[in-house]
Amino acid sequence: MLSPHEFATLMLVRQAPDQLDMNRAELDALLERQLVTLEQCAAGGRRAYLTDEGRTFLDVLHPSGTPRRSTRMPGSGSGEST
């Protein structure tokens, strides 16, 4: 089971890998679980990528084809008549 911080780090790898702090302890846990992999960049830095297992883990929790819940409040301009 992933900790909340590990889960958040996994989501960052998927959504915003350039904003990820490569020194996060959670990244080591994700590497051990083989949910992410690190690759060397041309500039000498490292970049994290999801493995197939990491992608599957996130897809099970929220498949990309599943519509997101609306943040609109009921009755706030949604065409309902009162």
PDB file of N, CA and C in Angstrom:
ATOM      1  N   MET A   1       0.845  -1.176   0.000  1.00  0.00           N
ATOM      2  CA  MET A   1       0.000   0.000   0.000  1.00  0.00           C
ATOM      3  C   MET A   1       0.893   1.242   0.000  1.00  0.00           C
ATOM      4  N   LEU A   2       0.512   2.216  -0.788  1.00  0.00           N
ATOM      5  CA  LEU A   2       1.281   3.458  -0.866  1.00  0.00           C
ATOM      6  C   LEU A   2       0.833   4.440   0.204  1.00  0.00           C
ATOM      7  N   SER A   3       1.777   5.199   0.707  1.00  0.00           N
ATOM      8  CA  SER A   3       1.436   6.286   1.623  1.00  0.00           C
ATOM      9  C   SER A   3       0.820   7.417   0.801  1.00  0.00           C
ATOM     10  N   PRO A   4       0.122   8.346   1.444  1.00  0.00           N
ATOM     11  CA  PRO A   4      -0.420   9.489   0.696  1.00  0.00           C
ATOM     12  C   PRO A   4       0.664  10.269  -0.051  1.00  0.00           C
ATOM     13  N   HIS A   5       1.841  10.406   0.546  1.00  0.00           N
ATOM     14  CA  HIS A   5       2.929  11.138  -0.113  1.00  0.00           C
ATOM     15  C   HIS A   5       3.465  10.369  -1.321  1.00  0.00           C
ATOM     16  N   GLU A   6       3.545   9.045  -1.201  1.00  0.00           N
ATOM     17  CA  GLU A   6       3.991   8.231  -2.334  1.00  0.00           C
ATOM     18  C   GLU A   6       2.984   8.297  -3.479  1.00  0.00           C
ATOM     19  N   PHE A   7       1.707   8.246  -3.134  1.00  0.00           N
ATOM     20  CA  PHE A   7       0.662   8.346  -4.149  1.00  0.00           C
ATOM     21  C   PHE A   7       0.721   9.703  -4.849  1.00  0.00           C
ATOM     22  N   ALA A   8       0.891  10.768  -4.072  1.00  0.00           N
ATOM     23  CA  ALA A   8       0.992  12.116  -4.655  1.00  0.00           C
ATOM     24  C   ALA A   8       2.215  12.220  -5.567  1.00  0.00           C
ATOM     25  N   THR A   9       3.313  11.611  -5.165  1.00  0.00           N
ATOM     26  CA  THR A   9       4.522  11.621  -5.991  1.00  0.00           C
ATOM     27  C   THR A   9       4.287  10.859  -7.287  1.00  0.00           C
ATOM     28  N   LEU A  10       3.587   9.736  -7.213  1.00  0.00           N
ATOM     29  CA  LEU A  10       3.269   8.967  -8.415  1.00  0.00           C
ATOM     30  C   LEU A  10       2.411   9.792  -9.372  1.00  0.00           C
ATOM     31  N   MET A  11       1.461  10.533  -8.823  1.00  0.00           N
ATOM     32  CA  MET A  11       0.628  11.406  -9.660  1.00  0.00           C
ATOM     33  C   MET A  11       1.467  12.520 -10.283  1.00  0.00           C
ATOM     34  N   LEU A  12       2.423  13.049  -9.537  1.00  0.00           N
ATOM     35  CA  LEU A  12       3.314  14.080 -10.085  1.00  0.00           C
ATOM     36  C   LEU A  12       4.151  13.546 -11.245  1.00  0.00           C
ATOM     37  N   VAL A  13       4.618  12.318 -11.114  1.00  0.00           N
ATOM     38  CA  VAL A  13       5.397  11.721 -12.201  1.00  0.00           C
ATOM     39  C   VAL A  13       4.549  11.663 -13.465  1.00  0.00           C
ATOM     40  N   ARG A  14       3.265  11.374 -13.311  1.00  0.00           N
ATOM     41  CA  ARG A  14       2.386  11.289 -14.482  1.00  0.00           C
ATOM     42  C   ARG A  14       2.037  12.666 -15.030  1.00  0.00           C
ATOM     43  N   GLN A  15       1.672  13.589 -14.163  1.00  0.00           N
ATOM     44  CA  GLN A  15       1.109  14.865 -14.598  1.00  0.00           C
ATOM     45  C   GLN A  15       2.131  15.984 -14.760  1.00  0.00           C
ATOM     46  N   ALA A  16       3.157  16.011 -13.938  1.00  0.00           N
ATOM     47  CA  ALA A  16       4.106  17.135 -13.961  1.00  0.00           C
ATOM     48  C   ALA A  16       5.511  16.660 -13.598  1.00  0.00           C
ATOM     49  N   PRO A  17       6.098  15.783 -14.402  1.00  0.00           N
ATOM     50  CA  PRO A  17       7.413  15.233 -14.033  1.00  0.00           C
ATOM     51  C   PRO A  17       8.511  16.280 -13.932  1.00  0.00           C
ATOM     52  N   ASP A  18       8.383  17.391 -14.643  1.00  0.00           N
ATOM     53  CA  ASP A  18       9.406  18.436 -14.577  1.00  0.00           C
ATOM     54  C   ASP A  18       9.384  19.189 -13.252  1.00  0.00           C
ATOM     55  N   GLN A  19       8.292  19.096 -12.503  1.00  0.00           N
ATOM     56  CA  GLN A  19       8.172  19.790 -11.226  1.00  0.00           C
ATOM     57  C   GLN A  19       8.548  18.896 -10.045  1.00  0.00           C
ATOM     58  N   LEU A  20       8.957  17.684 -10.328  1.00  0.00           N
ATOM     59  CA  LEU A  20       9.254  16.704  -9.294  1.00  0.00           C
ATOM     60  C   LEU A  20      10.643  16.927  -8.704  1.00  0.00           C
ATOM     61  N   ASP A  21      10.714  16.971  -7.384  1.00  0.00           N
ATOM     62  CA  ASP A  21      12.002  17.041  -6.683  1.00  0.00           C
ATOM     63  C   ASP A  21      12.612  15.641  -6.708  1.00  0.00           C
ATOM     64  N   MET A  22      13.719  15.483  -7.410  1.00  0.00           N
ATOM     65  CA  MET A  22      14.325  14.168  -7.591  1.00  0.00           C
ATOM     66  C   MET A  22      14.946  13.616  -6.307  1.00  0.00           C
ATOM     67  N   ASN A  23      14.979  14.399  -5.246  1.00  0.00           N
ATOM     68  CA  ASN A  23      15.539  13.950  -3.969  1.00  0.00           C
ATOM     69  C   ASN A  23      14.462  13.509  -2.984  1.00  0.00           C
ATOM     70  N   ARG A  24      13.219  13.418  -3.427  1.00  0.00           N
ATOM     71  CA  ARG A  24      12.128  13.001  -2.539  1.00  0.00           C
ATOM     72  C   ARG A  24      12.335  11.560  -2.088  1.00  0.00           C
ATOM     73  N   ALA A  25      12.160  11.312  -0.810  1.00  0.00           N
ATOM     74  CA  ALA A  25      12.278   9.951  -0.279  1.00  0.00           C
ATOM     75  C   ALA A  25      11.207   9.043  -0.879  1.00  0.00           C
ATOM     76  N   GLU A  26      10.048   9.611  -1.188  1.00  0.00           N
ATOM     77  CA  GLU A  26       8.952   8.823  -1.754  1.00  0.00           C
ATOM     78  C   GLU A  26       9.331   8.237  -3.116  1.00  0.00           C
ATOM     79  N   LEU A  27      10.183   8.930  -3.828  1.00  0.00           N
ATOM     80  CA  LEU A  27      10.621   8.451  -5.137  1.00  0.00           C
ATOM     81  C   LEU A  27      11.385   7.130  -4.993  1.00  0.00           C
ATOM     82  N   ASP A  28      12.179   7.008  -3.939  1.00  0.00           N
ATOM     83  CA  ASP A  28      12.897   5.751  -3.686  1.00  0.00           C
ATOM     84  C   ASP A  28      11.926   4.596  -3.451  1.00  0.00           C
ATOM     85  N   ALA A  29      10.859   4.854  -2.704  1.00  0.00           N
ATOM     86  CA  ALA A  29       9.861   3.812  -2.449  1.00  0.00           C
ATOM     87  C   ALA A  29       9.168   3.392  -3.742  1.00  0.00           C
ATOM     88  N   LEU A  30       8.877   4.357  -4.615  1.00  0.00           N
ATOM     89  CA  LEU A  30       8.232   4.043  -5.893  1.00  0.00           C
ATOM     90  C   LEU A  30       9.179   3.272  -6.810  1.00  0.00           C
ATOM     91  N   LEU A  31      10.465   3.585  -6.747  1.00  0.00           N
ATOM     92  CA  LEU A  31      11.463   2.830  -7.513  1.00  0.00           C
ATOM     93  C   LEU A  31      11.542   1.384  -7.014  1.00  0.00           C
ATOM     94  N   GLU A  32      11.530   1.197  -5.690  1.00  0.00           N
ATOM     95  CA  GLU A  32      11.578  -0.148  -5.111  1.00  0.00           C
ATOM     96  C   GLU A  32      10.370  -0.969  -5.521  1.00  0.00           C
ATOM     97  N   ARG A  33       9.214  -0.327  -5.610  1.00  0.00           N
ATOM     98  CA  ARG A  33       7.979  -1.021  -6.007  1.00  0.00           C
ATOM     99  C   ARG A  33       7.849  -1.141  -7.527  1.00  0.00           C
ATOM    100  N   GLN A  34       8.830  -0.621  -8.243  1.00  0.00           N
ATOM    101  CA  GLN A  34       8.889  -0.654  -9.707  1.00  0.00           C
ATOM    102  C   GLN A  34       7.685   0.034 -10.351  1.00  0.00           C
ATOM    103  N   LEU A  35       7.244   1.133  -9.726  1.00  0.00           N
ATOM    104  CA  LEU A  35       6.153   1.937 -10.280  1.00  0.00           C
ATOM    105  C   LEU A  35       6.690   3.083 -11.125  1.00  0.00           C
ATOM    106  N   VAL A  36       7.947   3.453 -10.897  1.00  0.00           N
ATOM    107  CA  VAL A  36       8.617   4.482 -11.700  1.00  0.00           C
ATOM    108  C   VAL A  36      10.015   3.999 -12.065  1.00  0.00           C
ATOM    109  N   THR A  37      10.572   4.635 -13.069  1.00  0.00           N
ATOM    110  CA  THR A  37      11.947   4.386 -13.475  1.00  0.00           C
ATOM    111  C   THR A  37      12.617   5.731 -13.703  1.00  0.00           C
ATOM    112  N   LEU A  38      13.917   5.775 -13.561  1.00  0.00           N
ATOM    113  CA  LEU A  38      14.673   7.007 -13.785  1.00  0.00           C
ATOM    114  C   LEU A  38      15.529   6.848 -15.029  1.00  0.00           C
ATOM    115  N   GLU A  39      15.592   7.900 -15.820  1.00  0.00           N
ATOM    116  CA  GLU A  39      16.450   7.908 -17.003  1.00  0.00           C
ATOM    117  C   GLU A  39      17.295   9.166 -16.981  1.00  0.00           C
ATOM    118  N   GLN A  40      18.496   9.042 -17.490  1.00  0.00           N
ATOM    119  CA  GLN A  40      19.404  10.182 -17.583  1.00  0.00           C
ATOM    120  C   GLN A  40      18.979  11.082 -18.742  1.00  0.00           C
ATOM    121  N   CYS A  41      18.982  12.375 -18.510  1.00  0.00           N
ATOM    122  CA  CYS A  41      18.695  13.355 -19.557  1.00  0.00           C
ATOM    123  C   CYS A  41      20.011  13.771 -20.214  1.00  0.00           C
ATOM    124  N   ALA A  42      19.909  14.397 -21.369  1.00  0.00           N
ATOM    125  CA  ALA A  42      21.097  14.850 -22.097  1.00  0.00           C
ATOM    126  C   ALA A  42      21.898  15.867 -21.288  1.00  0.00           C
ATOM    127  N   ALA A  43      21.221  16.671 -20.490  1.00  0.00           N
ATOM    128  CA  ALA A  43      21.888  17.709 -19.709  1.00  0.00           C
ATOM    129  C   ALA A  43      22.553  17.154 -18.448  1.00  0.00           C
ATOM    130  N   GLY A  44      22.503  15.839 -18.253  1.00  0.00           N
ATOM    131  CA  GLY A  44      23.130  15.239 -17.087  1.00  0.00           C
ATOM    132  C   GLY A  44      22.191  15.038 -15.918  1.00  0.00           C
ATOM    133  N   GLY A  45      20.982  15.537 -16.007  1.00  0.00           N
ATOM    134  CA  GLY A  45      20.002  15.355 -14.944  1.00  0.00           C
ATOM    135  C   GLY A  45      19.273  14.032 -15.092  1.00  0.00           C
ATOM    136  N   ARG A  46      18.333  13.803 -14.200  1.00  0.00           N
ATOM    137  CA  ARG A  46      17.512  12.596 -14.258  1.00  0.00           C
ATOM    138  C   ARG A  46      16.058  12.990 -14.420  1.00  0.00           C
ATOM    139  N   ARG A  47      15.285  12.093 -14.993  1.00  0.00           N
ATOM    140  CA  ARG A  47      13.853  12.316 -15.151  1.00  0.00           C
ATOM    141  C   ARG A  47      13.127  11.027 -14.789  1.00  0.00           C
ATOM    142  N   ALA A  48      12.013  11.165 -14.070  1.00  0.00           N
ATOM    143  CA  ALA A  48      11.220  10.005 -13.659  1.00  0.00           C
ATOM    144  C   ALA A  48      10.126   9.740 -14.684  1.00  0.00           C
ATOM    145  N   TYR A  49       9.894   8.468 -14.944  1.00  0.00           N
ATOM    146  CA  TYR A  49       8.838   8.024 -15.848  1.00  0.00           C
ATOM    147  C   TYR A  49       8.046   6.922 -15.163  1.00  0.00           C
ATOM    148  N   LEU A  50       6.760   6.841 -15.476  1.00  0.00           N
ATOM    149  CA  LEU A  50       5.953   5.737 -14.980  1.00  0.00           C
ATOM    150  C   LEU A  50       6.337   4.459 -15.708  1.00  0.00           C
ATOM    151  N   THR A  51       6.379   3.366 -14.978  1.00  0.00           N
ATOM    152  CA  THR A  51       6.512   2.057 -15.607  1.00  0.00           C
ATOM    153  C   THR A  51       5.111   1.604 -16.011  1.00  0.00           C
ATOM    154  N   ASP A  52       5.023   0.489 -16.706  1.00  0.00           N
ATOM    155  CA  ASP A  52       3.701  -0.048 -17.047  1.00  0.00           C
ATOM    156  C   ASP A  52       2.899  -0.331 -15.783  1.00  0.00           C
ATOM    157  N   GLU A  53       3.575  -0.817 -14.743  1.00  0.00           N
ATOM    158  CA  GLU A  53       2.898  -1.102 -13.475  1.00  0.00           C
ATOM    159  C   GLU A  53       2.380   0.181 -12.824  1.00  0.00           C
ATOM    160  N   GLY A  54       3.178   1.238 -12.872  1.00  0.00           N
ATOM    161  CA  GLY A  54       2.752   2.518 -12.307  1.00  0.00           C
ATOM    162  C   GLY A  54       1.570   3.107 -13.055  1.00  0.00           C
ATOM    163  N   ARG A  55       1.598   3.007 -14.372  1.00  0.00           N
ATOM    164  CA  ARG A  55       0.499   3.507 -15.204  1.00  0.00           C
ATOM    165  C   ARG A  55      -0.781   2.713 -14.920  1.00  0.00           C
ATOM    166  N   THR A  56      -0.641   1.387 -14.826  1.00  0.00           N
ATOM    167  CA  THR A  56      -1.797   0.541 -14.529  1.00  0.00           C
ATOM    168  C   THR A  56      -2.368   0.877 -13.160  1.00  0.00           C
ATOM    169  N   PHE A  57      -1.499   1.085 -12.178  1.00  0.00           N
ATOM    170  CA  PHE A  57      -1.939   1.424 -10.825  1.00  0.00           C
ATOM    171  C   PHE A  57      -2.807   2.679 -10.840  1.00  0.00           C
ATOM    172  N   LEU A  58      -2.350   3.732 -11.522  1.00  0.00           N
ATOM    173  CA  LEU A  58      -3.123   4.973 -11.579  1.00  0.00           C
ATOM    174  C   LEU A  58      -4.384   4.816 -12.420  1.00  0.00           C
ATOM    175  N   ASP A  59      -4.314   4.053 -13.511  1.00  0.00           N
ATOM    176  CA  ASP A  59      -5.484   3.858 -14.370  1.00  0.00           C
ATOM    177  C   ASP A  59      -6.595   3.106 -13.655  1.00  0.00           C
ATOM    178  N   VAL A  60      -6.233   2.173 -12.788  1.00  0.00           N
ATOM    179  CA  VAL A  60      -7.242   1.430 -12.033  1.00  0.00           C
ATOM    180  C   VAL A  60      -7.994   2.375 -11.099  1.00  0.00           C
ATOM    181  N   LEU A  61      -7.275   3.318 -10.514  1.00  0.00           N
ATOM    182  CA  LEU A  61      -7.906   4.260  -9.587  1.00  0.00           C
ATOM    183  C   LEU A  61      -8.736   5.311 -10.302  1.00  0.00           C
ATOM    184  N   HIS A  62      -8.288   5.722 -11.490  1.00  0.00           N
ATOM    185  CA  HIS A  62      -9.047   6.703 -12.264  1.00  0.00           C
ATOM    186  C   HIS A  62      -8.709   6.543 -13.736  1.00  0.00           C
ATOM    187  N   PRO A  63      -9.448   5.674 -14.429  1.00  0.00           N
ATOM    188  CA  PRO A  63      -9.182   5.484 -15.861  1.00  0.00           C
ATOM    189  C   PRO A  63      -9.287   6.800 -16.615  1.00  0.00           C
ATOM    190  N   SER A  64      -8.423   6.996 -17.585  1.00  0.00           N
ATOM    191  CA  SER A  64      -8.401   8.263 -18.325  1.00  0.00           C
ATOM    192  C   SER A  64      -9.674   8.484 -19.120  1.00  0.00           C
ATOM    193  N   GLY A  65     -10.411   7.434 -19.465  1.00  0.00           N
ATOM    194  CA  GLY A  65     -11.653   7.585 -20.220  1.00  0.00           C
ATOM    195  C   GLY A  65     -12.856   7.896 -19.350  1.00  0.00           C
ATOM    196  N   THR A  66     -12.687   7.834 -18.033  1.00  0.00           N
ATOM    197  CA  THR A  66     -13.790   8.097 -17.119  1.00  0.00           C
ATOM    198  C   THR A  66     -14.020   9.592 -17.001  1.00  0.00           C
ATOM    199  N   PRO A  67     -15.273  10.056 -17.214  1.00  0.00           N
ATOM    200  CA  PRO A  67     -15.522  11.498 -17.080  1.00  0.00           C
ATOM    201  C   PRO A  67     -15.297  11.959 -15.652  1.00  0.00           C
ATOM    202  N   ARG A  68     -14.744  13.125 -15.514  1.00  0.00           N
ATOM    203  CA  ARG A  68     -14.495  13.705 -14.191  1.00  0.00           C
ATOM    204  C   ARG A  68     -15.787  14.311 -13.658  1.00  0.00           C
ATOM    205  N   ARG A  69     -15.881  14.337 -12.341  1.00  0.00           N
ATOM    206  CA  ARG A  69     -17.051  14.950 -11.717  1.00  0.00           C
ATOM    207  C   ARG A  69     -17.021  16.440 -11.945  1.00  0.00           C
ATOM    208  N   SER A  70     -18.172  17.000 -12.165  1.00  0.00           N
ATOM    209  CA  SER A  70     -18.278  18.439 -12.366  1.00  0.00           C
ATOM    210  C   SER A  70     -18.081  19.153 -11.040  1.00  0.00           C
ATOM    211  N   THR A  71     -17.414  20.302 -11.095  1.00  0.00           N
ATOM    212  CA  THR A  71     -17.243  21.098  -9.879  1.00  0.00           C
ATOM    213  C   THR A  71     -18.340  22.149  -9.763  1.00  0.00           C
ATOM    214  N   ARG A  72     -19.237  22.178 -10.741  1.00  0.00           N
ATOM    215  CA  ARG A  72     -20.326  23.155 -10.732  1.00  0.00           C
ATOM    216  C   ARG A  72     -21.328  22.807  -9.635  1.00  0.00           C
ATOM    217  N   MET A  73     -21.778  23.804  -8.934  1.00  0.00           N
ATOM    218  CA  MET A  73     -22.760  23.615  -7.880  1.00  0.00           C
ATOM    219  C   MET A  73     -24.139  23.465  -8.507  1.00  0.00           C
ATOM    220  N   PRO A  74     -24.985  22.600  -7.943  1.00  0.00           N
ATOM    221  CA  PRO A  74     -26.343  22.461  -8.472  1.00  0.00           C
ATOM    222  C   PRO A  74     -27.073  23.798  -8.450  1.00  0.00           C
ATOM    223  N   GLY A  75     -27.745  24.094  -9.555  1.00  0.00           N
ATOM    224  CA  GLY A  75     -28.535  25.318  -9.639  1.00  0.00           C
ATOM    225  C   GLY A  75     -27.732  26.562  -9.933  1.00  0.00           C
ATOM    226  N   SER A  76     -26.470  26.423 -10.290  1.00  0.00           N
ATOM    227  CA  SER A  76     -25.650  27.606 -10.552  1.00  0.00           C
ATOM    228  C   SER A  76     -25.404  27.757 -12.049  1.00  0.00           C
ATOM    229  N   GLY A  77     -26.464  28.046 -12.777  1.00  0.00           N
ATOM    230  CA  GLY A  77     -26.320  28.297 -14.199  1.00  0.00           C
ATOM    231  C   GLY A  77     -26.275  27.053 -15.042  1.00  0.00           C
ATOM    232  N   SER A  78     -26.802  25.955 -14.553  1.00  0.00           N
ATOM    233  CA  SER A  78     -26.751  24.715 -15.310  1.00  0.00           C
ATOM    234  C   SER A  78     -27.991  24.525 -16.170  1.00  0.00           C
ATOM    235  N   GLY A  79     -28.783  25.576 -16.339  1.00  0.00           N
ATOM    236  CA  GLY A  79     -29.949  25.494 -17.201  1.00  0.00           C
ATOM    237  C   GLY A  79     -31.198  25.026 -16.490  1.00  0.00           C
ATOM    238  N   GLU A  80     -31.145  24.866 -15.184  1.00  0.00           N
ATOM    239  CA  GLU A  80     -32.317  24.433 -14.441  1.00  0.00           C
ATOM    240  C   GLU A  80     -33.273  25.612 -14.267  1.00  0.00           C
ATOM    241  N   SER A  81     -34.551  25.340 -14.377  1.00  0.00           N
ATOM    242  CA  SER A  81     -35.533  26.402 -14.134  1.00  0.00           C
ATOM    243  C   SER A  81     -36.085  26.250 -12.734  1.00  0.00           C
ATOM    244  N   THR A  82     -36.390  27.371 -12.098  1.00  0.00           N
ATOM    245  CA  THR A  82     -36.885  27.338 -10.723  1.00  0.00           C
ATOM    246  C   THR A  82     -38.318  27.706 -10.665  1.00  0.00           C
TER     247      THR A  82
END
